[in-house]
């Protein structure tokens, strides 16, 4: 089973990397760029066949390591169950 995890900054948290991306896009001539927020994307292959167990495992991984729960949110999709 494959887990596809998206990690993003919570609303209200400053995103200097997103600001830098927006500035760079403007400098390259891309007009009409509004707010840019960046994040992380992680794919993990799990040796699990039970969907409920896989969900609990992915949530624990996100909360304990992958996401900083103070400033980040996460969402995920499971494929193959």
C-alpha atoms as a PDB file:
ATOM      1  CA  UNK A   1       0.000   0.000   0.000  1.00  0.00           C
ATOM      2  CA  UNK A   2       1.295   3.475  -0.826  1.00  0.00           C
ATOM      3  CA  UNK A   3       0.756   6.573   1.307  1.00  0.00           C
ATOM      4  CA  UNK A   4       0.908   9.975  -0.378  1.00  0.00           C
ATOM      5  CA  UNK A   5       1.398  12.653   2.268  1.00  0.00           C
ATOM      6  CA  UNK A   6       1.152  16.437   1.819  1.00  0.00           C
ATOM      7  CA  UNK A   7       2.526  18.686   4.554  1.00  0.00           C
ATOM      8  CA  UNK A   8       1.766  22.416   4.506  1.00  0.00           C
ATOM      9  CA  UNK A   9       2.196  25.356   6.813  1.00  0.00           C
ATOM     10  CA  UNK A  10      -0.835  26.309   8.868  1.00  0.00           C
ATOM     11  CA  UNK A  11      -2.692  29.467   7.953  1.00  0.00           C
ATOM     12  CA  UNK A  12      -1.129  32.468   9.641  1.00  0.00           C
ATOM     13  CA  UNK A  13       2.384  30.973   9.740  1.00  0.00           C
ATOM     14  CA  UNK A  14       4.864  33.081   7.797  1.00  0.00           C
ATOM     15  CA  UNK A  15       6.298  31.349   4.733  1.00  0.00           C
ATOM     16  CA  UNK A  16       9.587  33.031   3.753  1.00  0.00           C
ATOM     17  CA  UNK A  17      10.365  30.327   1.186  1.00  0.00           C
ATOM     18  CA  UNK A  18       6.982  30.869  -0.458  1.00  0.00           C
ATOM     19  CA  UNK A  19       7.666  34.622  -0.526  1.00  0.00           C
ATOM     20  CA  UNK A  20      11.054  33.986  -2.158  1.00  0.00           C
ATOM     21  CA  UNK A  21       9.413  31.787  -4.788  1.00  0.00           C
ATOM     22  CA  UNK A  22       6.824  34.488  -5.519  1.00  0.00           C
ATOM     23  CA  UNK A  23       9.563  37.120  -5.862  1.00  0.00           C
ATOM     24  CA  UNK A  24      11.637  34.881  -8.148  1.00  0.00           C
ATOM     25  CA  UNK A  25       8.635  34.163 -10.365  1.00  0.00           C
ATOM     26  CA  UNK A  26       7.982  37.894 -10.662  1.00  0.00           C
ATOM     27  CA  UNK A  27      11.634  38.511 -11.532  1.00  0.00           C
ATOM     28  CA  UNK A  28      11.344  35.885 -14.284  1.00  0.00           C
ATOM     29  CA  UNK A  29       8.462  37.782 -15.819  1.00  0.00           C
ATOM     30  CA  UNK A  30       5.521  35.777 -14.528  1.00  0.00           C
ATOM     31  CA  UNK A  31       2.754  38.282 -13.889  1.00  0.00           C
ATOM     32  CA  UNK A  32      -0.317  37.874 -11.704  1.00  0.00           C
ATOM     33  CA  UNK A  33       1.384  35.810  -9.004  1.00  0.00           C
ATOM     34  CA  UNK A  34      -0.448  36.113  -5.700  1.00  0.00           C
ATOM     35  CA  UNK A  35       0.421  34.468  -2.420  1.00  0.00           C
ATOM     36  CA  UNK A  36       2.696  31.420  -2.738  1.00  0.00           C
ATOM     37  CA  UNK A  37       2.809  28.761  -0.029  1.00  0.00           C
ATOM     38  CA  UNK A  38       5.273  25.886  -0.220  1.00  0.00           C
ATOM     39  CA  UNK A  39       5.176  22.522   1.493  1.00  0.00           C
ATOM     40  CA  UNK A  40       6.468  18.963   1.437  1.00  0.00           C
ATOM     41  CA  UNK A  41       5.294  15.836  -0.368  1.00  0.00           C
ATOM     42  CA  UNK A  42       6.263  12.360   0.837  1.00  0.00           C
ATOM     43  CA  UNK A  43       5.450   8.939  -0.634  1.00  0.00           C
ATOM     44  CA  UNK A  44       5.859   5.911   1.602  1.00  0.00           C
ATOM     45  CA  UNK A  45       5.361   2.294   0.564  1.00  0.00           C
ATOM     46  CA  UNK A  46       3.784   0.355   3.436  1.00  0.00           C
ATOM     47  CA  UNK A  47       3.820  -3.425   3.883  1.00  0.00           C
ATOM     48  CA  UNK A  48       0.251  -3.307   5.173  1.00  0.00           C
ATOM     49  CA  UNK A  49      -3.007  -4.658   3.761  1.00  0.00           C
ATOM     50  CA  UNK A  50      -5.449  -3.411   6.408  1.00  0.00           C
ATOM     51  CA  UNK A  51      -6.568   0.140   5.604  1.00  0.00           C
ATOM     52  CA  UNK A  52      -7.398   1.109   9.207  1.00  0.00           C
ATOM     53  CA  UNK A  53      -3.990  -0.026  10.444  1.00  0.00           C
ATOM     54  CA  UNK A  54      -2.266   1.821   7.598  1.00  0.00           C
ATOM     55  CA  UNK A  55      -4.166   5.025   8.444  1.00  0.00           C
ATOM     56  CA  UNK A  56      -3.126   4.822  12.098  1.00  0.00           C
ATOM     57  CA  UNK A  57       0.493   4.154  11.086  1.00  0.00           C
ATOM     58  CA  UNK A  58       0.623   7.107   8.674  1.00  0.00           C
ATOM     59  CA  UNK A  59      -0.948   9.427  11.247  1.00  0.00           C
ATOM     60  CA  UNK A  60       1.621   8.380  13.865  1.00  0.00           C
ATOM     61  CA  UNK A  61       4.484   8.908  11.377  1.00  0.00           C
ATOM     62  CA  UNK A  62       3.201  12.388  10.527  1.00  0.00           C
ATOM     63  CA  UNK A  63       2.643  13.431  14.127  1.00  0.00           C
ATOM     64  CA  UNK A  64       5.923  12.006  15.449  1.00  0.00           C
ATOM     65  CA  UNK A  65       8.341  12.856  12.632  1.00  0.00           C
ATOM     66  CA  UNK A  66       7.145  14.123   9.277  1.00  0.00           C
ATOM     67  CA  UNK A  67       5.126  17.195  10.315  1.00  0.00           C
ATOM     68  CA  UNK A  68       5.837  19.838  12.927  1.00  0.00           C
ATOM     69  CA  UNK A  69       2.387  19.830  14.491  1.00  0.00           C
ATOM     70  CA  UNK A  70       2.872  23.322  15.943  1.00  0.00           C
ATOM     71  CA  UNK A  71       3.156  25.035  12.542  1.00  0.00           C
ATOM     72  CA  UNK A  72       2.197  22.409   9.936  1.00  0.00           C
ATOM     73  CA  UNK A  73      -0.873  20.492   8.783  1.00  0.00           C
ATOM     74  CA  UNK A  74      -0.842  17.202   6.946  1.00  0.00           C
ATOM     75  CA  UNK A  75      -3.181  15.238   4.748  1.00  0.00           C
ATOM     76  CA  UNK A  76      -2.724  11.894   3.081  1.00  0.00           C
ATOM     77  CA  UNK A  77      -4.182   9.423   0.634  1.00  0.00           C
ATOM     78  CA  UNK A  78      -3.752   5.679   0.680  1.00  0.00           C
ATOM     79  CA  UNK A  79      -3.524   3.727  -2.554  1.00  0.00           C
ATOM     80  CA  UNK A  80      -3.792  -0.003  -2.971  1.00  0.00           C
ATOM     81  CA  UNK A  81      -6.163  -1.079  -0.213  1.00  0.00           C
END
